[in-house]
C-alpha atoms as a PDB file:
ATOM      1  CA  MET A   1      33.768   0.720  11.257  1.00  0.00           C
ATOM      2  CA  LEU A   2      30.471  -1.245  11.945  1.00  0.00           C
ATOM      3  CA  SER A   3      30.383  -5.107  11.427  1.00  0.00           C
ATOM      4  CA  GLU A   4      27.123  -6.813  10.095  1.00  0.00           C
ATOM      5  CA  PHE A   5      26.288  -7.961  13.638  1.00  0.00           C
ATOM      6  CA  ASP A   6      27.207  -4.581  15.179  1.00  0.00           C
ATOM      7  CA  LEU A   7      24.759  -3.049  12.530  1.00  0.00           C
ATOM      8  CA  ILE A   8      21.918  -5.231  13.513  1.00  0.00           C
ATOM      9  CA  SER A   9      22.572  -5.367  17.073  1.00  0.00           C
ATOM     10  CA  ARG A  10      22.582  -1.318  17.079  1.00  0.00           C
ATOM     11  CA  TYR A  11      19.818  -0.147  14.669  1.00  0.00           C
ATOM     12  CA  PHE A  12      17.279  -3.463  14.284  1.00  0.00           C
ATOM     13  CA  THR A  13      17.351  -5.558  17.365  1.00  0.00           C
ATOM     14  CA  ARG A  14      14.412  -4.679  19.895  1.00  0.00           C
ATOM     15  CA  PRO A  15      13.573  -5.492  23.469  1.00  0.00           C
ATOM     16  CA  SER A  16      11.446  -8.629  23.802  1.00  0.00           C
ATOM     17  CA  HIS A  17       8.561  -6.650  24.951  1.00  0.00           C
ATOM     18  CA  ASN A  18       8.256  -5.163  21.630  1.00  0.00           C
ATOM     19  CA  LEU A  19       7.724  -8.794  19.686  1.00  0.00           C
ATOM     20  CA  GLY A  20       4.246  -9.273  20.490  1.00  0.00           C
ATOM     21  CA  SER A  21       2.451 -12.318  21.551  1.00  0.00           C
ATOM     22  CA  ALA A  22       2.694 -14.140  18.148  1.00  0.00           C
ATOM     23  CA  VAL A  23       6.511 -13.983  18.204  1.00  0.00           C
ATOM     24  CA  ALA A  24       8.007 -17.092  19.947  1.00  0.00           C
ATOM     25  CA  LEU A  25      11.638 -16.432  18.706  1.00  0.00           C
ATOM     26  CA  GLY A  26      12.784 -13.188  17.217  1.00  0.00           C
ATOM     27  CA  ILE A  27      16.237 -12.045  15.816  1.00  0.00           C
ATOM     28  CA  GLY A  28      19.200 -13.997  17.042  1.00  0.00           C
ATOM     29  CA  ASP A  29      18.830 -17.530  15.569  1.00  0.00           C
ATOM     30  CA  ASP A  30      18.729 -19.172  12.339  1.00  0.00           C
ATOM     31  CA  CYS A  31      15.149 -18.872  12.044  1.00  0.00           C
ATOM     32  CA  ALA A  32      12.389 -16.728  13.674  1.00  0.00           C
ATOM     33  CA  LEU A  33       9.379 -18.602  15.291  1.00  0.00           C
ATOM     34  CA  ILE A  34       5.578 -17.212  14.723  1.00  0.00           C
ATOM     35  CA  THR A  35       2.827 -18.590  16.451  1.00  0.00           C
ATOM     36  CA  PRO A  36      -0.405 -17.236  14.837  1.00  0.00           C
ATOM     37  CA  SER A  37      -3.683 -16.934  17.033  1.00  0.00           C
ATOM     38  CA  PRO A  38      -5.640 -20.370  17.119  1.00  0.00           C
ATOM     39  CA  GLY A  39      -7.800 -20.825  14.122  1.00  0.00           C
ATOM     40  CA  MET A  40      -6.058 -18.212  12.240  1.00  0.00           C
ATOM     41  CA  GLN A  41      -4.265 -18.352   8.592  1.00  0.00           C
ATOM     42  CA  LEU A  42      -1.133 -16.712   7.932  1.00  0.00           C
ATOM     43  CA  ALA A  43      -1.085 -14.172   5.183  1.00  0.00           C
ATOM     44  CA  ILE A  44       2.451 -13.442   3.966  1.00  0.00           C
ATOM     45  CA  SER A  45       3.952 -10.709   1.433  1.00  0.00           C
ATOM     46  CA  SER A  46       7.157  -9.307   0.015  1.00  0.00           C
ATOM     47  CA  ASP A  47       7.981  -6.228  -1.550  1.00  0.00           C
ATOM     48  CA  MET A  48      11.475  -4.991  -2.711  1.00  0.00           C
ATOM     49  CA  LEU A  49      12.545  -1.249  -3.019  1.00  0.00           C
ATOM     50  CA  VAL A  50      15.530  -0.659  -5.362  1.00  0.00           C
ATOM     51  CA  GLU A  51      16.959   2.720  -5.479  1.00  0.00           C
ATOM     52  CA  GLY A  52      16.590   4.492  -8.791  1.00  0.00           C
ATOM     53  CA  ARG A  53      13.544   2.437  -9.661  1.00  0.00           C
ATOM     54  CA  HIS A  54      11.127   3.076  -6.733  1.00  0.00           C
ATOM     55  CA  PHE A  55      12.791   5.749  -5.041  1.00  0.00           C
ATOM     56  CA  PHE A  56      15.429   8.321  -5.952  1.00  0.00           C
ATOM     57  CA  ALA A  57      18.866   8.433  -5.325  1.00  0.00           C
ATOM     58  CA  GLY A  58      19.545   9.965  -1.940  1.00  0.00           C
ATOM     59  CA  ALA A  59      16.080   9.939  -0.761  1.00  0.00           C
ATOM     60  CA  ASP A  60      15.387  10.895   2.856  1.00  0.00           C
ATOM     61  CA  ALA A  61      16.454   7.772   4.758  1.00  0.00           C
ATOM     62  CA  GLY A  62      13.775   8.536   7.663  1.00  0.00           C
ATOM     63  CA  ARG A  63      10.887   8.523   4.997  1.00  0.00           C
ATOM     64  CA  LEU A  64      12.281   5.547   3.170  1.00  0.00           C
ATOM     65  CA  GLY A  65      12.247   3.663   6.469  1.00  0.00           C
ATOM     66  CA  HIS A  66       8.683   4.325   6.793  1.00  0.00           C
ATOM     67  CA  LYS A  67       7.460   3.503   3.123  1.00  0.00           C
ATOM     68  CA  CYS A  68       9.213   0.192   2.752  1.00  0.00           C
ATOM     69  CA  LEU A  69       7.248  -1.069   5.533  1.00  0.00           C
ATOM     70  CA  ALA A  70       3.997   0.818   4.652  1.00  0.00           C
ATOM     71  CA  VAL A  71       3.878  -0.621   1.219  1.00  0.00           C
ATOM     72  CA  ASN A  72       4.018  -4.332   2.548  1.00  0.00           C
ATOM     73  CA  LEU A  73       1.312  -3.355   5.378  1.00  0.00           C
ATOM     74  CA  SER A  74      -0.816  -2.257   2.419  1.00  0.00           C
ATOM     75  CA  ASP A  75      -0.703  -5.719   1.321  1.00  0.00           C
ATOM     76  CA  LEU A  76      -1.825  -7.181   4.489  1.00  0.00           C
ATOM     77  CA  ALA A  77      -4.513  -4.279   4.621  1.00  0.00           C
ATOM     78  CA  ALA A  78      -6.016  -5.464   1.150  1.00  0.00           C
ATOM     79  CA  MET A  79      -6.340  -8.845   2.592  1.00  0.00           C
ATOM     80  CA  GLY A  80      -8.095  -7.872   5.838  1.00  0.00           C
ATOM     81  CA  ALA A  81      -5.020  -9.465   7.674  1.00  0.00           C
ATOM     82  CA  ARG A  82      -3.875  -8.245  11.125  1.00  0.00           C
ATOM     83  CA  PRO A  83       0.214  -7.237  11.057  1.00  0.00           C
ATOM     84  CA  LEU A  84       2.228  -9.888  13.051  1.00  0.00           C
ATOM     85  CA  ALA A  85       5.608  -9.493  12.307  1.00  0.00           C
ATOM     86  CA  PHE A  86       8.463  -9.004   9.020  1.00  0.00           C
ATOM     87  CA  THR A  87      11.472  -9.689   7.861  1.00  0.00           C
ATOM     88  CA  LEU A  88      14.221  -7.195   6.226  1.00  0.00           C
ATOM     89  CA  ALA A  89      16.930  -8.032   3.747  1.00  0.00           C
ATOM     90  CA  LEU A  90      18.815  -4.821   3.468  1.00  0.00           C
ATOM     91  CA  SER A  91      21.619  -4.225   0.818  1.00  0.00           C
ATOM     92  CA  LEU A  92      24.025  -1.393   1.420  1.00  0.00           C
ATOM     93  CA  PRO A  93      26.741   0.760  -0.191  1.00  0.00           C
ATOM     94  CA  SER A  94      28.180   1.035   3.345  1.00  0.00           C
ATOM     95  CA  ALA A  95      27.174   0.744   7.066  1.00  0.00           C
ATOM     96  CA  ASP A  96      26.811   4.638   7.376  1.00  0.00           C
ATOM     97  CA  PRO A  97      25.331   5.604  10.783  1.00  0.00           C
ATOM     98  CA  ALA A  98      24.410   8.897   9.487  1.00  0.00           C
ATOM     99  CA  TRP A  99      21.737   6.999   7.284  1.00  0.00           C
ATOM    100  CA  LEU A 100      21.092   3.840   9.619  1.00  0.00           C
ATOM    101  CA  ALA A 101      19.963   5.884  12.360  1.00  0.00           C
ATOM    102  CA  PRO A 102      16.850   7.608  10.684  1.00  0.00           C
ATOM    103  CA  PHE A 103      16.161   4.567   8.283  1.00  0.00           C
ATOM    104  CA  SER A 104      15.632   2.415  11.349  1.00  0.00           C
ATOM    105  CA  SER A 105      13.969   4.928  13.338  1.00  0.00           C
ATOM    106  CA  GLY A 106      11.364   5.658  10.316  1.00  0.00           C
ATOM    107  CA  LEU A 107      10.826   1.503   9.914  1.00  0.00           C
ATOM    108  CA  LEU A 108      10.484   0.953  13.608  1.00  0.00           C
ATOM    109  CA  ALA A 109       8.366   3.879  14.653  1.00  0.00           C
ATOM    110  CA  LEU A 110       5.404   2.424  11.925  1.00  0.00           C
ATOM    111  CA  ALA A 111       6.230  -1.038  13.024  1.00  0.00           C
ATOM    112  CA  ASP A 112       5.552  -0.253  16.633  1.00  0.00           C
ATOM    113  CA  GLN A 113       2.118   1.637  15.316  1.00  0.00           C
ATOM    114  CA  HIS A 114       1.059  -1.295  13.909  1.00  0.00           C
ATOM    115  CA  HIS A 115       2.478  -3.909  16.739  1.00  0.00           C
ATOM    116  CA  CYS A 116       4.509  -5.560  13.892  1.00  0.00           C
ATOM    117  CA  ALA A 117       7.643  -6.872  15.018  1.00  0.00           C
ATOM    118  CA  LEU A 118      11.030  -6.917  13.115  1.00  0.00           C
ATOM    119  CA  ILE A 119      11.762 -10.746  13.795  1.00  0.00           C
ATOM    120  CA  GLY A 120      15.283 -11.286  11.278  1.00  0.00           C
ATOM    121  CA  GLY A 121      16.557 -10.736   7.890  1.00  0.00           C
ATOM    122  CA  ASP A 122      19.820 -10.274   6.242  1.00  0.00           C
ATOM    123  CA  THR A 123      22.184  -7.391   5.351  1.00  0.00           C
ATOM    124  CA  THR A 124      25.142  -7.395   2.654  1.00  0.00           C
ATOM    125  CA  LYS A 125      27.204  -4.860   0.927  1.00  0.00           C
ATOM    126  CA  GLY A 126      25.976  -3.871  -2.323  1.00  0.00           C
ATOM    127  CA  PRO A 127      23.548  -1.086  -4.139  1.00  0.00           C
ATOM    128  CA  LEU A 128      21.236   0.201  -2.035  1.00  0.00           C
ATOM    129  CA  ASN A 129      17.931  -2.384  -2.138  1.00  0.00           C
ATOM    130  CA  ILE A 130      15.368  -2.860   0.709  1.00  0.00           C
ATOM    131  CA  CYS A 131      13.307  -6.308   0.530  1.00  0.00           C
ATOM    132  CA  ILE A 132      10.825  -7.022   3.210  1.00  0.00           C
ATOM    133  CA  THR A 133       8.584  -9.854   3.926  1.00  0.00           C
ATOM    134  CA  VAL A 134       5.583  -9.102   6.229  1.00  0.00           C
ATOM    135  CA  PHE A 135       3.456 -11.835   8.411  1.00  0.00           C
ATOM    136  CA  GLY A 136       0.052 -11.250   9.418  1.00  0.00           C
ATOM    137  CA  GLU A 137      -3.528 -13.290  10.635  1.00  0.00           C
ATOM    138  CA  ALA A 138      -6.822 -13.480   9.148  1.00  0.00           C
ATOM    139  CA  LEU A 139      -9.792 -15.608   9.715  1.00  0.00           C
ATOM    140  CA  PRO A 140     -10.233 -18.341   7.221  1.00  0.00           C
ATOM    141  CA  GLY A 141     -13.165 -17.535   4.991  1.00  0.00           C
ATOM    142  CA  LEU A 142     -13.192 -14.074   5.467  1.00  0.00           C
ATOM    143  CA  THR A 143     -10.096 -12.642   3.679  1.00  0.00           C
ATOM    144  CA  LEU A 144     -10.779 -10.129   1.051  1.00  0.00           C
ATOM    145  CA  ARG A 145      -9.296 -11.690  -2.384  1.00  0.00           C
ATOM    146  CA  ARG A 146      -9.311 -10.105  -5.714  1.00  0.00           C
ATOM    147  CA  ASP A 147     -11.126 -13.212  -6.947  1.00  0.00           C
ATOM    148  CA  ALA A 148     -14.202 -12.744  -5.026  1.00  0.00           C
ATOM    149  CA  ALA A 149     -16.028  -9.638  -6.632  1.00  0.00           C
ATOM    150  CA  LEU A 150     -19.363 -10.427  -8.214  1.00  0.00           C
ATOM    151  CA  PRO A 151     -21.915  -8.595 -10.076  1.00  0.00           C
ATOM    152  CA  GLY A 152     -24.053  -6.059  -8.452  1.00  0.00           C
ATOM    153  CA  ASP A 153     -20.996  -5.139  -5.987  1.00  0.00           C
ATOM    154  CA  ASP A 154     -20.322  -1.345  -5.526  1.00  0.00           C
ATOM    155  CA  ILE A 155     -16.760  -0.266  -5.940  1.00  0.00           C
ATOM    156  CA  TRP A 156     -15.204   1.553  -3.159  1.00  0.00           C
ATOM    157  CA  ILE A 157     -12.114   3.536  -2.715  1.00  0.00           C
ATOM    158  CA  SER A 158     -10.341   4.680   0.345  1.00  0.00           C
ATOM    159  CA  GLY A 159      -8.773   8.071   0.921  1.00  0.00           C
ATOM    160  CA  THR A 160      -7.906  10.194  -2.032  1.00  0.00           C
ATOM    161  CA  LEU A 161      -5.677   9.247  -5.214  1.00  0.00           C
ATOM    162  CA  GLY A 162      -3.070  11.063  -7.083  1.00  0.00           C
ATOM    163  CA  ASP A 163      -1.228  13.172  -5.249  1.00  0.00           C
ATOM    164  CA  ALA A 164       1.734  11.118  -4.983  1.00  0.00           C
ATOM    165  CA  ARG A 165       1.759  10.925  -8.832  1.00  0.00           C
ATOM    166  CA  LEU A 166       1.302  14.589  -9.092  1.00  0.00           C
ATOM    167  CA  ALA A 167       4.514  14.801  -6.761  1.00  0.00           C
ATOM    168  CA  LEU A 168       6.500  12.865  -9.024  1.00  0.00           C
ATOM    169  CA  ALA A 169       5.419  14.571 -11.998  1.00  0.00           C
ATOM    170  CA  GLY A 170       6.785  17.717 -10.166  1.00  0.00           C
ATOM    171  CA  TYR A 171      10.261  16.018  -9.098  1.00  0.00           C
ATOM    172  CA  ARG A 172      10.614  15.015 -12.996  1.00  0.00           C
ATOM    173  CA  ASN A 173       9.733  18.291 -14.271  1.00  0.00           C
ATOM    174  CA  GLU A 174       6.953  16.821 -16.376  1.00  0.00           C
ATOM    175  CA  ILE A 175       4.628  19.898 -14.721  1.00  0.00           C
ATOM    176  CA  VAL A 176       5.558  23.045 -12.750  1.00  0.00           C
ATOM    177  CA  LEU A 177       4.589  23.080  -9.199  1.00  0.00           C
ATOM    178  CA  ASP A 178       5.184  25.700  -6.446  1.00  0.00           C
ATOM    179  CA  ASP A 179       6.977  24.449  -3.598  1.00  0.00           C
ATOM    180  CA  ALA A 180       4.218  24.351  -1.166  1.00  0.00           C
ATOM    181  CA  THR A 181       2.261  22.019  -3.533  1.00  0.00           C
ATOM    182  CA  LEU A 182       5.197  19.859  -4.216  1.00  0.00           C
ATOM    183  CA  ASP A 183       5.950  19.478  -0.385  1.00  0.00           C
ATOM    184  CA  LYS A 184       2.163  18.639   0.462  1.00  0.00           C
ATOM    185  CA  ALA A 185       1.898  16.131  -2.379  1.00  0.00           C
ATOM    186  CA  GLY A 186       5.272  14.682  -1.739  1.00  0.00           C
ATOM    187  CA  GLU A 187       4.364  13.623   1.866  1.00  0.00           C
ATOM    188  CA  ARG A 188       1.721  11.167   0.014  1.00  0.00           C
ATOM    189  CA  MET A 189       4.578   9.742  -2.166  1.00  0.00           C
ATOM    190  CA  HIS A 190       7.027   9.450   0.477  1.00  0.00           C
ATOM    191  CA  ARG A 191       4.632   8.664   3.874  1.00  0.00           C
ATOM    192  CA  PRO A 192       1.937   6.770   2.455  1.00  0.00           C
ATOM    193  CA  THR A 193      -0.442   5.640   4.959  1.00  0.00           C
ATOM    194  CA  PRO A 194      -1.332   1.475   4.915  1.00  0.00           C
ATOM    195  CA  ARG A 195      -5.104   1.216   5.662  1.00  0.00           C
ATOM    196  CA  VAL A 196      -4.366  -1.611   8.257  1.00  0.00           C
ATOM    197  CA  GLU A 197      -7.518  -0.813  10.350  1.00  0.00           C
ATOM    198  CA  LEU A 198      -9.793  -0.528   7.409  1.00  0.00           C
ATOM    199  CA  GLY A 199      -9.011  -3.558   5.894  1.00  0.00           C
ATOM    200  CA  THR A 200      -9.478  -5.633   8.963  1.00  0.00           C
ATOM    201  CA  ALA A 201     -12.808  -3.595   9.621  1.00  0.00           C
ATOM    202  CA  LEU A 202     -14.057  -4.966   6.020  1.00  0.00           C
ATOM    203  CA  SER A 203     -13.649  -8.694   6.895  1.00  0.00           C
ATOM    204  CA  GLY A 204     -16.875 -10.183   6.370  1.00  0.00           C
ATOM    205  CA  ILE A 205     -18.399  -7.000   4.916  1.00  0.00           C
ATOM    206  CA  ALA A 206     -16.449  -6.901   1.499  1.00  0.00           C
ATOM    207  CA  HIS A 207     -15.909  -9.115  -1.009  1.00  0.00           C
ATOM    208  CA  ALA A 208     -12.869  -8.264  -2.992  1.00  0.00           C
ATOM    209  CA  ALA A 209     -10.045  -5.920  -2.481  1.00  0.00           C
ATOM    210  CA  ILE A 210      -6.566  -4.797  -3.436  1.00  0.00           C
ATOM    211  CA  ASP A 211      -3.913  -1.979  -2.515  1.00  0.00           C
ATOM    212  CA  ILE A 212      -3.576   0.481  -5.092  1.00  0.00           C
ATOM    213  CA  SER A 213       0.070   0.703  -5.870  1.00  0.00           C
ATOM    214  CA  ASP A 214       0.264   0.821  -9.636  1.00  0.00           C
ATOM    215  CA  GLY A 215      -2.574   2.937 -10.598  1.00  0.00           C
ATOM    216  CA  LEU A 216      -6.534   2.396 -10.041  1.00  0.00           C
ATOM    217  CA  ALA A 217      -7.010   1.227 -13.773  1.00  0.00           C
ATOM    218  CA  GLY A 218      -4.298  -1.480 -13.655  1.00  0.00           C
ATOM    219  CA  ASP A 219      -5.077  -2.684 -10.236  1.00  0.00           C
ATOM    220  CA  LEU A 220      -8.934  -2.631 -10.593  1.00  0.00           C
ATOM    221  CA  GLY A 221      -8.319  -4.816 -13.592  1.00  0.00           C
ATOM    222  CA  HIS A 222      -6.600  -7.416 -11.484  1.00  0.00           C
ATOM    223  CA  ILE A 223      -9.718  -7.948  -9.471  1.00  0.00           C
ATOM    224  CA  LEU A 224     -11.871  -8.086 -12.560  1.00  0.00           C
ATOM    225  CA  SER A 225      -9.570 -10.748 -14.321  1.00  0.00           C
ATOM    226  CA  ARG A 226      -9.414 -12.725 -11.268  1.00  0.00           C
ATOM    227  CA  SER A 227     -13.151 -12.668 -10.791  1.00  0.00           C
ATOM    228  CA  GLY A 228     -14.356 -12.904 -14.152  1.00  0.00           C
ATOM    229  CA  THR A 229     -16.085  -9.834 -14.236  1.00  0.00           C
ATOM    230  CA  GLY A 230     -16.195  -6.061 -15.830  1.00  0.00           C
ATOM    231  CA  ALA A 231     -16.772  -2.851 -14.174  1.00  0.00           C
ATOM    232  CA  SER A 232     -18.170   0.758 -14.817  1.00  0.00           C
ATOM    233  CA  LEU A 233     -16.358   3.601 -13.086  1.00  0.00           C
ATOM    234  CA  MET A 234     -17.542   7.019 -12.444  1.00  0.00           C
ATOM    235  CA  VAL A 235     -14.262   8.665 -13.203  1.00  0.00           C
ATOM    236  CA  ASP A 236     -15.385  12.134 -12.203  1.00  0.00           C
ATOM    237  CA  ALA A 237     -16.434  10.612  -8.783  1.00  0.00           C
ATOM    238  CA  LEU A 238     -12.696   9.367  -7.833  1.00  0.00           C
ATOM    239  CA  PRO A 239     -11.535  11.177  -5.002  1.00  0.00           C
ATOM    240  CA  ALA A 240      -8.668  13.212  -6.058  1.00  0.00           C
ATOM    241  CA  GLY A 241      -5.916  14.175  -3.486  1.00  0.00           C
ATOM    242  CA  PRO A 242      -5.931  17.573  -1.924  1.00  0.00           C
ATOM    243  CA  MET A 243      -3.152  19.059  -4.024  1.00  0.00           C
ATOM    244  CA  LEU A 244      -4.250  17.192  -7.309  1.00  0.00           C
ATOM    245  CA  SER A 245      -7.822  18.770  -6.803  1.00  0.00           C
ATOM    246  CA  LEU A 246      -6.481  21.982  -7.486  1.00  0.00           C
ATOM    247  CA  GLN A 247      -5.294  20.959 -10.889  1.00  0.00           C
ATOM    248  CA  PRO A 248      -7.040  20.711 -14.527  1.00  0.00           C
ATOM    249  CA  ASP A 249      -9.540  18.321 -15.156  1.00  0.00           C
ATOM    250  CA  ALA A 250      -7.697  16.201 -17.792  1.00  0.00           C
ATOM    251  CA  LEU A 251      -4.753  16.012 -15.284  1.00  0.00           C
ATOM    252  CA  ARG A 252      -6.938  14.948 -12.253  1.00  0.00           C
ATOM    253  CA  ARG A 253      -8.772  12.285 -14.346  1.00  0.00           C
ATOM    254  CA  ARG A 254      -5.210  10.978 -15.581  1.00  0.00           C
ATOM    255  CA  PHE A 255      -3.537  10.796 -12.111  1.00  0.00           C
ATOM    256  CA  THR A 256      -6.422   9.252 -10.370  1.00  0.00           C
ATOM    257  CA  LEU A 257      -6.902   6.683 -12.744  1.00  0.00           C
ATOM    258  CA  SER A 258      -3.391   5.755 -13.540  1.00  0.00           C
ATOM    259  CA  GLY A 259      -1.343   7.596 -10.767  1.00  0.00           C
ATOM    260  CA  GLY A 260      -0.065   4.830  -8.720  1.00  0.00           C
ATOM    261  CA  ASP A 261       2.045   5.080  -5.136  1.00  0.00           C
ATOM    262  CA  ASP A 262      -1.408   5.918  -3.447  1.00  0.00           C
ATOM    263  CA  TYR A 263      -1.665   2.774  -1.206  1.00  0.00           C
ATOM    264  CA  GLU A 264      -5.305   2.986  -0.794  1.00  0.00           C
ATOM    265  CA  LEU A 265      -7.795   0.444  -0.722  1.00  0.00           C
ATOM    266  CA  CYS A 266     -10.052  -0.373  -4.005  1.00  0.00           C
ATOM    267  CA  PHE A 267     -12.637  -3.014  -2.591  1.00  0.00           C
ATOM    268  CA  THR A 268     -16.168  -4.373  -3.598  1.00  0.00           C
ATOM    269  CA  ALA A 269     -19.011  -5.116  -1.621  1.00  0.00           C
ATOM    270  CA  PRO A 270     -22.786  -6.004  -2.004  1.00  0.00           C
ATOM    271  CA  ALA A 271     -24.995  -2.669  -2.457  1.00  0.00           C
ATOM    272  CA  ASP A 272     -26.907  -4.017   0.406  1.00  0.00           C
ATOM    273  CA  HIS A 273     -23.912  -3.607   2.834  1.00  0.00           C
ATOM    274  CA  ARG A 274     -23.203   0.175   2.027  1.00  0.00           C
ATOM    275  CA  ASP A 275     -24.479   1.151   5.687  1.00  0.00           C
ATOM    276  CA  ALA A 276     -22.075  -1.715   7.065  1.00  0.00           C
ATOM    277  CA  VAL A 277     -18.949  -0.338   4.831  1.00  0.00           C
ATOM    278  CA  LEU A 278     -19.577   3.067   5.987  1.00  0.00           C
ATOM    279  CA  THR A 279     -19.727   2.131   9.830  1.00  0.00           C
ATOM    280  CA  ALA A 280     -16.428  -0.024   9.153  1.00  0.00           C
ATOM    281  CA  ALA A 281     -14.893   3.219   7.587  1.00  0.00           C
ATOM    282  CA  GLN A 282     -15.839   5.335  10.608  1.00  0.00           C
ATOM    283  CA  ARG A 283     -14.641   2.987  12.790  1.00  0.00           C
ATOM    284  CA  ALA A 284     -10.989   2.716  11.153  1.00  0.00           C
ATOM    285  CA  ASN A 285     -11.587   6.939  10.807  1.00  0.00           C
ATOM    286  CA  VAL A 286     -10.704   6.590   7.097  1.00  0.00           C
ATOM    287  CA  PRO A 287     -12.896   8.046   4.323  1.00  0.00           C
ATOM    288  CA  VAL A 288     -14.366   6.053   1.635  1.00  0.00           C
ATOM    289  CA  THR A 289     -16.009   6.784  -1.620  1.00  0.00           C
ATOM    290  CA  ARG A 290     -18.441   4.722  -3.710  1.00  0.00           C
ATOM    291  CA  VAL A 291     -17.163   5.079  -7.315  1.00  0.00           C
ATOM    292  CA  GLY A 292     -18.751   2.556  -9.721  1.00  0.00           C
ATOM    293  CA  SER A 293     -20.057  -0.990  -9.677  1.00  0.00           C
ATOM    294  CA  ILE A 294     -19.220  -4.420 -11.041  1.00  0.00           C
ATOM    295  CA  ASP A 295     -20.607  -5.602 -14.304  1.00  0.00           C
ATOM    296  CA  ALA A 296     -20.931  -9.085 -15.498  1.00  0.00           C
ATOM    297  CA  ASP A 297     -19.915  -8.196 -18.850  1.00  0.00           C
ATOM    298  CA  ALA A 298     -16.118  -7.972 -19.010  1.00  0.00           C
ATOM    299  CA  GLY A 299     -14.047  -4.854 -19.503  1.00  0.00           C
ATOM    300  CA  LEU A 300     -13.490  -1.797 -17.498  1.00  0.00           C
ATOM    301  CA  ARG A 301     -15.963   1.124 -18.656  1.00  0.00           C
ATOM    302  CA  LEU A 302     -15.288   4.424 -17.800  1.00  0.00           C
ATOM    303  CA  LEU A 303     -18.032   7.296 -17.312  1.00  0.00           C
ATOM    304  CA  ASP A 304     -18.151  10.835 -16.514  1.00  0.00           C
ATOM    305  CA  ALA A 305     -20.329  12.649 -14.297  1.00  0.00           C
ATOM    306  CA  ASN A 306     -23.320  12.051 -16.588  1.00  0.00           C
ATOM    307  CA  GLY A 307     -22.848   8.672 -17.084  1.00  0.00           C
ATOM    308  CA  ALA A 308     -21.579   9.346 -20.610  1.00  0.00           C
ATOM    309  CA  PRO A 309     -18.533   6.983 -21.774  1.00  0.00           C
ATOM    310  CA  LEU A 310     -15.164   8.554 -21.895  1.00  0.00           C
ATOM    311  CA  ALA A 311     -12.604   8.021 -24.632  1.00  0.00           C
ATOM    312  CA  LEU A 312      -9.702   7.527 -21.913  1.00  0.00           C
ATOM    313  CA  GLN A 313      -6.804   5.047 -22.107  1.00  0.00           C
ATOM    314  CA  PRO A 314      -5.606   4.930 -18.704  1.00  0.00           C
ATOM    315  CA  ALA A 315      -2.189   3.164 -18.022  1.00  0.00           C
ATOM    316  CA  SER A 316      -0.833   1.190 -15.403  1.00  0.00           C
ATOM    317  CA  PHE A 317       2.795   0.753 -14.074  1.00  0.00           C
ATOM    318  CA  ASP A 318       4.852  -2.159 -15.021  1.00  0.00           C
ATOM    319  CA  HIS A 319       8.511  -2.833 -13.988  1.00  0.00           C
ATOM    320  CA  PHE A 320       9.241  -4.174 -17.133  1.00  0.00           C
ATOM    321  CA  ALA A 321       7.645  -2.194 -19.568  1.00  0.00           C
ATOM    322  CA  THR A 322       7.781   1.143 -17.911  1.00  0.00           C
ATOM    323  CA  PRO A 323      10.938   3.087 -18.681  1.00  0.00           C
END
């Protein structure tokens, strides 16, 4: 039987060379110590993933390890921050090596990819619950904030939208998908790609940004609310995922607007920065699509390919309002 400290030592303690220059002290003391680069601000975010709410019971442990860190790194990306370190608070029904080994492998492989050190946390026995707090650094005055969109800005989307929601619909039997389609769409749901390199590349180019976790319409709405602006969104220009693009138009519109779990970036930038945006995207090796504009008048206006209004009522995920 693994003790709490055996569990931490075997699955989550890393050699000191994996910690990075910003970590002065990692796992093993009452606190970790982080030293950000001179002149930089710390960016900090927490996310909790609860079994039965954020992922299905019995979910693949390796993919779950990847996703629980990916959603936190996505928050740093939306601020244009470089990852430094993270903590892990983990509630487990039991200390099962068959689950812990792939979970820690998936988690730490993504951490190594982004040079983000695991520096502490907590473990306890209880229902499966994963809470990560991530730390990054960004240049003061150049962070991408939700309150910084300006009238005349272009609205951009990274990558593609909707395949994660398509997979969820398949798992819930809302629609019938063949196995190949469900597997490919499911990869976007289970193993999202945090757009960290794009976020940092957009620093000083873009104005506002947010990561798309609860659906584009709702998440863009946060930018509009915080910035005191409105927007015109070209719904048929939204980049649908490769599996969603094969579905009927009505489903494509619904899932690109309201799908959630995409963890792409929605960001705004001045129209005269279009070349700079495309150069930053190329440098980060991430496709971006211009999908609308920020307006002075409040509200979100949804338009079709011809610029005509669409009578759609997009929903957004809410933990306390969504069953």
